[in-house]
Amino acid sequence: RTSSLQTARAIPGFLVLVVCYVSYVVVGPLAIDYLFNPPKGVQKRVPAGIAITIVWFILLIPVAFTYLRLLTVVLRNPGYVPLGKETENDEQPHPAPEFWTRDVFVCDQKGLPIYCKHCHNWKPDRTHHNQDVGRCTMKMDHFCPWVGGVVGERAIKFFTQSIFYTVILTTYGTILFAFFVHENRSHVQWIVALGLAGFFLLFTLGMLVNTLWLALQNLTTIEHLDVRNRTMLLAVVLPPELQAHNERTAQLTRPPAAARSPGTVTYPLSLPTDRPPPPAPPTRTFAILETPPGMNPWDLGSPWRNFKAVFGDHFHQWWLPWRHSPICDHSSDVSWYPLGPQFEKLLEDVGLGQRPTSRDEKSTVASKKRRRK
């Protein structure tokens, strides 16, 4: 694990050297040595050399800024879950209220949040443990050696922006050097620069298409690995009328394949006995529902809404590597991440809710917001 992480941390330095080398070829062997001071028989083209150099560095600026922003987030905190304290006999502590004070969270068959035995803490929805860095990351997408670490919820927007601007830069570099290599094939450094630009163009273009495609579906790379067969258990709070009448044994309708393992769990699980009891918090009973295969409860119902969930609501946020994604806001008292119509359909199927009557009408579950003091 240490060796792979150290290798990944060294790759960004290698990429910087590649960019510096290609920039040198643009300025030196191409612009100065060939266009400004051409060999015999070749026309002098000073304006072209100036324009080529200026355009290259203009396109390089957003690449540098987005990549620097990405590295800063990845190396500092891409969305790490805090480490918990190791307990005797690996006993799991009781889930924190930040789970069961929400209306929905991913759980196990007992109705408990998913526990990470390595980080000794409960994992919020869409959180995965990465062995390379030894940490759990919220909405983890993948471990990327090209950026030296994990791409999680706090980094995915800057990652996409970085490869987008890199595609533009490498497209320009590939066309530029292809033209001059075709004109004069005796310059080895042009050929090397063409190979580097072409390689990174194909590589980053593939990453960009895949990343955008997943973002439009509100999926991560990990979630997409078994997207058609993937199921999960969700703890969904029961309506007030069921909470009041029969907290632990509320009966749910059970249509085929909609909720294959219904059950209930009531929080808080127990109160501490080593100190005077505080005022008892109100109990909350959750139904444990299994999603149908392939269901994505976080798909907001349209590619456009999924896009804005990652890149923001405003046009300038899509291009500037400044603000984090809206998905980093976990202030909702409904769930860790916004829920979509597929989740509403599940509620309707089990008799816990009704779907909106129109596309523009917001879900009663998804529209609730936590009010923190």
Protein backbone atom coordinates (compact mmCIF):
# COMPACT_ATOMS: atom_id res chain seq x y z
CA ARG A 1 0.00 0.00 0.00
CA THR A 2 2.79 2.42 0.89
CA SER A 3 4.69 1.81 -2.35
CA SER A 4 1.62 2.31 -4.54
CA LEU A 5 0.73 5.53 -2.73
CA GLN A 6 4.29 6.84 -3.01
CA THR A 7 4.29 6.05 -6.72
CA ALA A 8 0.97 7.84 -7.14
CA ARG A 9 2.30 10.89 -5.30
CA ALA A 10 5.28 11.04 -7.70
CA ILE A 11 3.22 10.92 -10.91
CA PRO A 12 1.94 14.53 -10.70
CA GLY A 13 5.56 15.69 -10.74
CA PHE A 14 6.16 13.61 -13.86
CA LEU A 15 3.13 15.20 -15.54
CA VAL A 16 4.44 18.67 -14.72
CA LEU A 17 7.74 17.76 -16.39
CA VAL A 18 5.88 16.54 -19.49
CA VAL A 19 3.97 19.82 -19.75
CA CYS A 20 7.17 21.82 -19.25
CA TYR A 21 8.93 19.83 -21.96
CA VAL A 22 6.15 20.25 -24.53
CA SER A 23 5.94 23.96 -23.67
CA TYR A 24 9.68 24.20 -24.26
CA VAL A 25 9.28 22.53 -27.66
CA VAL A 26 6.54 24.99 -28.60
CA VAL A 27 8.62 28.03 -27.62
CA GLY A 28 12.14 26.87 -28.52
CA PRO A 29 12.47 24.31 -31.34
CA LEU A 30 9.21 25.33 -33.01
CA ALA A 31 8.63 29.07 -32.56
CA ILE A 32 12.15 30.47 -32.09
CA ASP A 33 14.31 27.99 -34.00
CA TYR A 34 11.93 27.29 -36.88
CA LEU A 35 9.40 30.10 -37.30
CA PHE A 36 11.45 33.08 -36.09
CA ASN A 37 14.82 31.85 -37.40
CA PRO A 38 13.97 29.32 -40.11
CA PRO A 39 16.58 27.24 -41.95
CA LYS A 40 17.44 27.99 -45.55
CA GLY A 41 14.58 27.49 -47.95
CA VAL A 42 11.89 27.98 -45.29
CA GLN A 43 9.86 31.16 -45.07
CA LYS A 44 10.14 33.27 -41.92
CA ARG A 45 6.81 33.35 -40.02
CA VAL A 46 7.14 35.57 -36.96
CA PRO A 47 3.41 36.38 -36.52
CA ALA A 48 2.56 32.68 -36.68
CA GLY A 49 5.20 31.87 -34.07
CA ILE A 50 3.90 34.56 -31.73
CA ALA A 51 0.28 33.49 -32.18
CA ILE A 52 1.08 29.80 -31.66
CA THR A 53 2.97 30.53 -28.45
CA ILE A 54 0.32 32.86 -27.04
CA VAL A 55 -2.52 30.42 -27.74
CA TRP A 56 -0.57 27.57 -26.14
CA PHE A 57 -0.05 29.42 -22.87
CA ILE A 58 -3.61 30.77 -22.84
CA LEU A 59 -4.88 27.19 -23.04
CA LEU A 60 -2.31 26.10 -20.47
CA ILE A 61 -3.53 28.54 -17.80
CA PRO A 62 -6.86 26.80 -16.99
CA VAL A 63 -5.11 23.42 -17.09
CA ALA A 64 -2.61 24.59 -14.49
CA PHE A 65 -5.20 26.21 -12.22
CA THR A 66 -7.66 23.29 -12.26
CA TYR A 67 -4.92 20.71 -11.77
CA LEU A 68 -3.40 22.67 -8.88
CA ARG A 69 -6.83 23.00 -7.29
CA LEU A 70 -7.43 19.28 -7.79
CA LEU A 71 -4.09 18.32 -6.24
CA THR A 72 -4.73 20.56 -3.25
CA VAL A 73 -8.07 18.90 -2.53
CA VAL A 74 -6.89 15.34 -3.17
CA LEU A 75 -3.79 15.63 -1.01
CA ARG A 76 -5.51 17.47 1.84
CA ASN A 77 -9.04 16.04 2.05
CA PRO A 78 -10.98 14.61 -0.91
CA GLY A 79 -13.89 13.80 1.43
CA TYR A 80 -12.40 11.62 4.15
CA VAL A 81 -14.61 10.26 6.91
CA PRO A 82 -13.04 10.99 10.33
CA LEU A 83 -11.21 8.09 11.91
CA GLY A 84 -12.87 6.52 14.93
CA LYS A 85 -11.30 5.14 18.08
CA GLU A 86 -10.37 1.49 18.16
CA THR A 87 -12.40 -0.36 20.80
CA GLU A 88 -11.72 -3.52 22.75
CA ASN A 89 -12.71 -6.72 20.94
CA ASP A 90 -13.58 -4.55 17.91
CA GLU A 91 -16.95 -3.70 19.44
CA GLN A 92 -18.95 -1.30 17.33
CA PRO A 93 -20.14 1.87 19.04
CA HIS A 94 -23.73 2.96 18.69
CA PRO A 95 -24.45 4.86 15.46
CA ALA A 96 -24.15 8.61 15.79
CA PRO A 97 -27.37 10.67 15.77
CA GLU A 98 -26.35 12.19 12.44
CA PHE A 99 -27.51 8.91 10.90
CA TRP A 100 -30.82 8.19 12.59
CA THR A 101 -31.92 11.84 12.80
CA ARG A 102 -32.08 11.69 9.01
CA ASP A 103 -35.09 10.12 7.32
CA VAL A 104 -33.14 7.73 5.08
CA PHE A 105 -29.72 6.09 5.22
CA VAL A 106 -28.02 3.03 3.78
CA CYS A 107 -27.98 0.22 6.32
CA ASP A 108 -27.27 -3.46 6.88
CA GLN A 109 -29.80 -6.20 7.60
CA LYS A 110 -30.06 -5.09 11.23
CA GLY A 111 -30.86 -1.52 10.28
CA LEU A 112 -27.44 -0.21 11.31
CA PRO A 113 -25.31 2.06 9.10
CA ILE A 114 -22.42 0.35 7.34
CA TYR A 115 -19.39 0.07 9.62
CA CYS A 116 -15.75 0.23 8.52
CA LYS A 117 -13.56 -2.00 10.66
CA HIS A 118 -10.43 -0.32 9.31
CA CYS A 119 -11.42 3.28 10.10
CA HIS A 120 -13.47 2.26 13.18
CA ASN A 121 -16.35 4.46 12.18
CA TRP A 122 -19.76 4.37 10.51
CA LYS A 123 -19.83 5.08 6.80
CA PRO A 124 -22.27 7.63 5.38
CA ASP A 125 -24.14 6.74 2.20
CA ARG A 126 -22.00 6.18 -0.92
CA THR A 127 -18.82 5.98 1.17
CA HIS A 128 -16.11 3.46 0.32
CA HIS A 129 -12.83 2.45 1.92
CA ASN A 130 -9.70 2.70 -0.20
CA GLN A 131 -6.78 0.46 0.70
CA ASP A 132 -4.19 2.65 -1.01
CA VAL A 133 -4.72 5.58 1.34
CA GLY A 134 -6.27 3.56 4.16
CA ARG A 135 -9.28 5.88 4.53
CA CYS A 136 -13.00 5.95 3.85
CA THR A 137 -14.02 8.65 1.38
CA MET A 138 -17.50 10.03 0.86
CA LYS A 139 -18.88 9.44 -2.63
CA MET A 140 -15.58 7.92 -3.62
CA ASP A 141 -15.21 7.64 -7.38
CA HIS A 142 -11.81 6.00 -7.83
CA PHE A 143 -8.18 6.04 -6.81
CA CYS A 144 -6.30 8.03 -9.46
CA PRO A 145 -2.48 7.84 -9.56
CA TRP A 146 -2.47 10.75 -12.04
CA VAL A 147 -3.57 13.08 -9.24
CA GLY A 148 -1.83 11.27 -6.41
CA GLY A 149 -4.80 10.01 -4.44
CA VAL A 150 -8.53 9.43 -4.14
CA VAL A 151 -11.10 11.30 -6.20
CA GLY A 152 -14.10 11.76 -3.91
CA GLU A 153 -17.03 14.12 -3.59
CA ARG A 154 -14.84 17.17 -2.91
CA ALA A 155 -12.58 16.47 -5.91
CA ILE A 156 -14.80 15.08 -8.68
CA LYS A 157 -15.80 18.50 -10.02
CA PHE A 158 -12.21 19.74 -10.21
CA PHE A 159 -11.12 16.40 -11.69
CA THR A 160 -13.62 16.77 -14.52
CA GLN A 161 -12.68 20.40 -15.13
CA SER A 162 -8.99 19.49 -15.22
CA ILE A 163 -9.34 16.74 -17.81
CA PHE A 164 -11.73 18.91 -19.86
CA TYR A 165 -9.18 21.71 -20.17
CA THR A 166 -6.44 19.13 -20.76
CA VAL A 167 -8.41 17.71 -23.69
CA ILE A 168 -8.56 21.19 -25.22
CA LEU A 169 -4.83 21.79 -24.70
CA THR A 170 -3.75 18.39 -26.03
CA THR A 171 -6.08 18.72 -29.03
CA TYR A 172 -4.37 21.98 -29.91
CA GLY A 173 -0.92 20.45 -29.35
CA THR A 174 -1.72 17.38 -31.45
CA ILE A 175 -3.01 19.42 -34.39
CA LEU A 176 -0.14 21.89 -34.09
CA PHE A 177 2.68 19.35 -34.09
CA ALA A 178 0.97 17.10 -36.63
CA PHE A 179 0.94 20.03 -39.06
CA PHE A 180 4.61 20.88 -38.62
CA VAL A 181 5.78 17.25 -38.53
CA HIS A 182 4.00 16.79 -41.85
CA GLU A 183 5.80 19.88 -43.14
CA ASN A 184 9.25 18.86 -41.87
CA ARG A 185 9.93 15.42 -40.38
CA SER A 186 13.55 16.04 -39.48
CA HIS A 187 12.81 17.51 -36.04
CA VAL A 188 12.83 14.71 -33.48
CA GLN A 189 11.55 16.89 -30.64
CA TRP A 190 8.45 17.76 -32.66
CA ILE A 191 7.74 14.07 -33.12
CA VAL A 192 8.21 13.41 -29.40
CA ALA A 193 5.90 16.31 -28.52
CA LEU A 194 3.34 15.03 -31.03
CA GLY A 195 3.44 11.59 -29.44
CA LEU A 196 2.98 12.99 -25.94
CA ALA A 197 0.16 15.31 -26.98
CA GLY A 198 -1.62 12.58 -28.91
CA PHE A 199 -1.30 10.04 -26.10
CA PHE A 200 -2.67 12.35 -23.43
CA LEU A 201 -5.42 13.53 -25.78
CA LEU A 202 -6.73 9.99 -26.23
CA PHE A 203 -6.26 9.19 -22.55
CA THR A 204 -7.96 12.27 -21.13
CA LEU A 205 -10.72 12.24 -23.75
CA GLY A 206 -11.69 8.73 -22.67
CA MET A 207 -11.67 9.77 -19.01
CA LEU A 208 -13.73 12.87 -19.76
CA VAL A 209 -16.42 10.99 -21.67
CA ASN A 210 -16.67 8.32 -18.97
CA THR A 211 -16.72 10.83 -16.10
CA LEU A 212 -19.42 12.99 -17.69
CA TRP A 213 -21.49 9.94 -18.60
CA LEU A 214 -21.45 8.75 -14.99
CA ALA A 215 -22.18 12.24 -13.66
CA LEU A 216 -25.28 12.50 -15.86
CA GLN A 217 -26.55 9.31 -14.21
CA ASN A 218 -25.47 10.38 -10.72
CA LEU A 219 -23.22 7.35 -10.40
CA THR A 220 -19.62 6.87 -9.33
CA THR A 221 -17.14 4.54 -10.98
CA ILE A 222 -17.47 2.12 -8.06
CA GLU A 223 -21.27 2.19 -8.14
CA HIS A 224 -21.27 1.50 -11.86
CA LEU A 225 -19.22 -1.70 -11.57
CA ASP A 226 -22.33 -3.81 -10.90
CA VAL A 227 -25.04 -1.28 -11.60
CA ARG A 228 -27.56 -3.68 -13.16
CA ASN A 229 -27.52 -6.22 -10.34
CA ARG A 230 -26.66 -4.00 -7.39
CA THR A 231 -29.11 -3.87 -4.50
CA MET A 232 -28.87 -2.14 -1.15
CA LEU A 233 -30.76 -1.86 2.09
CA LEU A 234 -32.24 1.48 3.09
CA ALA A 235 -33.52 2.46 6.51
CA VAL A 236 -36.54 4.69 5.85
CA VAL A 237 -38.30 6.47 8.69
CA LEU A 238 -41.94 5.49 9.15
CA PRO A 239 -44.66 8.15 8.82
CA PRO A 240 -45.82 9.82 12.06
CA GLU A 241 -49.08 7.89 12.14
CA LEU A 242 -47.22 4.57 12.08
CA GLN A 243 -44.68 5.83 14.59
CA ALA A 244 -47.41 6.72 17.04
CA HIS A 245 -49.60 3.62 16.73
CA ASN A 246 -47.12 0.78 16.41
CA GLU A 247 -43.51 1.84 16.51
CA ARG A 248 -41.70 -1.47 16.20
CA THR A 249 -44.09 -3.66 14.22
CA ALA A 250 -45.69 -1.38 11.66
CA GLN A 251 -47.03 -3.48 8.80
CA LEU A 252 -45.89 -2.67 5.27
CA THR A 253 -47.31 -3.78 2.00
CA ARG A 254 -44.88 -6.10 0.26
CA PRO A 255 -45.25 -6.29 -3.53
CA PRO A 256 -42.97 -8.72 -5.39
CA ALA A 257 -39.34 -7.57 -5.81
CA ALA A 258 -40.02 -4.14 -4.31
CA ALA A 259 -38.96 -4.81 -0.73
CA ARG A 260 -37.66 -8.33 -0.30
CA SER A 261 -36.58 -8.07 3.32
CA PRO A 262 -38.78 -5.61 5.20
CA GLY A 263 -38.24 -5.11 8.90
CA THR A 264 -37.98 -2.29 11.39
CA VAL A 265 -35.44 -0.80 13.74
CA THR A 266 -35.97 1.86 16.40
CA TYR A 267 -33.44 4.52 17.42
CA PRO A 268 -31.83 5.38 19.72
CA LEU A 269 -30.79 1.81 20.32
CA SER A 270 -30.13 2.41 24.03
CA LEU A 271 -29.23 5.17 26.43
CA PRO A 272 -25.89 5.33 28.32
CA THR A 273 -25.92 3.83 31.82
CA ASP A 274 -22.64 5.25 33.17
CA ARG A 275 -24.02 8.73 33.81
CA PRO A 276 -27.29 10.37 34.87
CA PRO A 277 -29.86 9.94 32.10
CA PRO A 278 -30.48 13.06 30.03
CA PRO A 279 -33.93 13.85 28.71
CA ALA A 280 -34.77 10.92 26.46
CA PRO A 281 -34.68 11.84 22.77
CA PRO A 282 -37.78 10.98 20.77
CA THR A 283 -37.61 7.53 19.27
CA ARG A 284 -37.64 7.03 15.52
CA THR A 285 -38.65 3.77 13.87
CA PHE A 286 -37.30 2.90 10.44
CA ALA A 287 -38.45 0.37 7.89
CA ILE A 288 -35.62 -1.65 6.36
CA LEU A 289 -36.20 -1.87 2.61
CA GLU A 290 -34.23 -3.68 -0.06
CA THR A 291 -34.00 -1.86 -3.38
CA PRO A 292 -34.75 -3.69 -6.63
CA PRO A 293 -31.70 -4.70 -8.72
CA GLY A 294 -30.29 -1.76 -10.64
CA MET A 295 -32.18 0.92 -8.74
CA ASN A 296 -30.28 4.17 -8.16
CA PRO A 297 -32.01 6.15 -5.40
CA TRP A 298 -29.74 9.15 -6.04
CA ASP A 299 -30.65 9.58 -9.71
CA LEU A 300 -32.51 12.90 -9.64
CA GLY A 301 -34.64 12.03 -12.65
CA SER A 302 -32.89 13.88 -15.45
CA PRO A 303 -29.30 14.22 -16.74
CA TRP A 304 -29.56 17.99 -16.31
CA ARG A 305 -30.38 17.78 -12.59
CA ASN A 306 -27.65 15.20 -12.08
CA PHE A 307 -25.18 17.47 -13.89
CA LYS A 308 -26.00 20.45 -11.69
CA ALA A 309 -25.69 18.30 -8.57
CA VAL A 310 -22.00 17.87 -9.40
CA PHE A 311 -21.08 21.12 -11.14
CA GLY A 312 -23.45 23.67 -9.62
CA ASP A 313 -26.48 25.67 -10.65
CA HIS A 314 -24.69 28.63 -12.20
CA PHE A 315 -22.85 28.82 -15.51
CA HIS A 316 -19.61 30.20 -14.09
CA GLN A 317 -19.40 27.35 -11.56
CA TRP A 318 -19.11 24.83 -14.38
CA TRP A 319 -15.85 26.35 -15.60
CA LEU A 320 -14.11 27.83 -12.56
CA PRO A 321 -12.30 25.57 -10.04
CA TRP A 322 -13.46 27.49 -7.03
CA ARG A 323 -16.56 26.23 -5.23
CA HIS A 324 -17.09 22.60 -4.30
CA SER A 325 -19.95 20.55 -5.72
CA PRO A 326 -23.44 20.99 -4.25
CA ILE A 327 -23.27 17.29 -3.33
CA CYS A 328 -20.79 18.25 -0.60
CA ASP A 329 -23.63 19.93 1.31
CA HIS A 330 -24.95 17.38 3.82
CA SER A 331 -27.26 19.71 5.75
CA SER A 332 -30.43 17.94 4.62
CA ASP A 333 -32.34 16.08 7.32
CA VAL A 334 -33.67 13.65 4.71
CA SER A 335 -30.51 11.83 3.64
CA TRP A 336 -26.81 12.32 3.04
CA TYR A 337 -27.46 12.92 -0.67
CA PRO A 338 -30.58 14.12 -2.53
CA LEU A 339 -32.98 11.35 -3.49
CA GLY A 340 -34.77 11.02 -6.80
CA PRO A 341 -37.95 9.61 -8.35
CA GLN A 342 -36.75 6.00 -8.22
CA PHE A 343 -36.69 6.28 -4.45
CA GLU A 344 -40.14 7.88 -4.47
CA LYS A 345 -41.40 4.96 -6.56
CA LEU A 346 -40.02 2.55 -3.97
CA LEU A 347 -41.90 4.41 -1.22
CA GLU A 348 -45.09 4.23 -3.24
CA ASP A 349 -44.65 0.51 -3.83
CA VAL A 350 -44.30 -0.28 -0.11
CA GLY A 351 -47.04 2.10 0.98
CA LEU A 352 -44.84 4.68 2.67
CA GLY A 353 -45.47 7.59 0.35
CA GLN A 354 -46.88 8.81 -2.92
CA ARG A 355 -45.07 10.05 -5.97
CA PRO A 356 -45.43 13.65 -7.18
CA THR A 357 -48.28 14.29 -9.58
CA SER A 358 -46.13 16.21 -12.07
CA ARG A 359 -42.52 16.29 -13.16
CA ASP A 360 -41.97 19.80 -11.86
CA GLU A 361 -43.40 19.02 -8.45
CA LYS A 362 -40.64 18.32 -5.97
CA SER A 363 -40.66 15.23 -3.82
CA THR A 364 -41.96 15.75 -0.32
CA VAL A 365 -39.00 13.75 0.93
CA ALA A 366 -36.36 15.42 -1.21
CA SER A 367 -37.59 18.95 -0.45
CA LYS A 368 -37.09 18.78 3.33
CA LYS A 369 -34.01 20.55 4.64
CA ARG A 370 -32.24 20.32 7.95
CA ARG A 371 -32.28 23.54 9.94
CA ARG A 372 -29.13 23.77 12.00
CA LYS A 373 -28.46 26.43 14.54
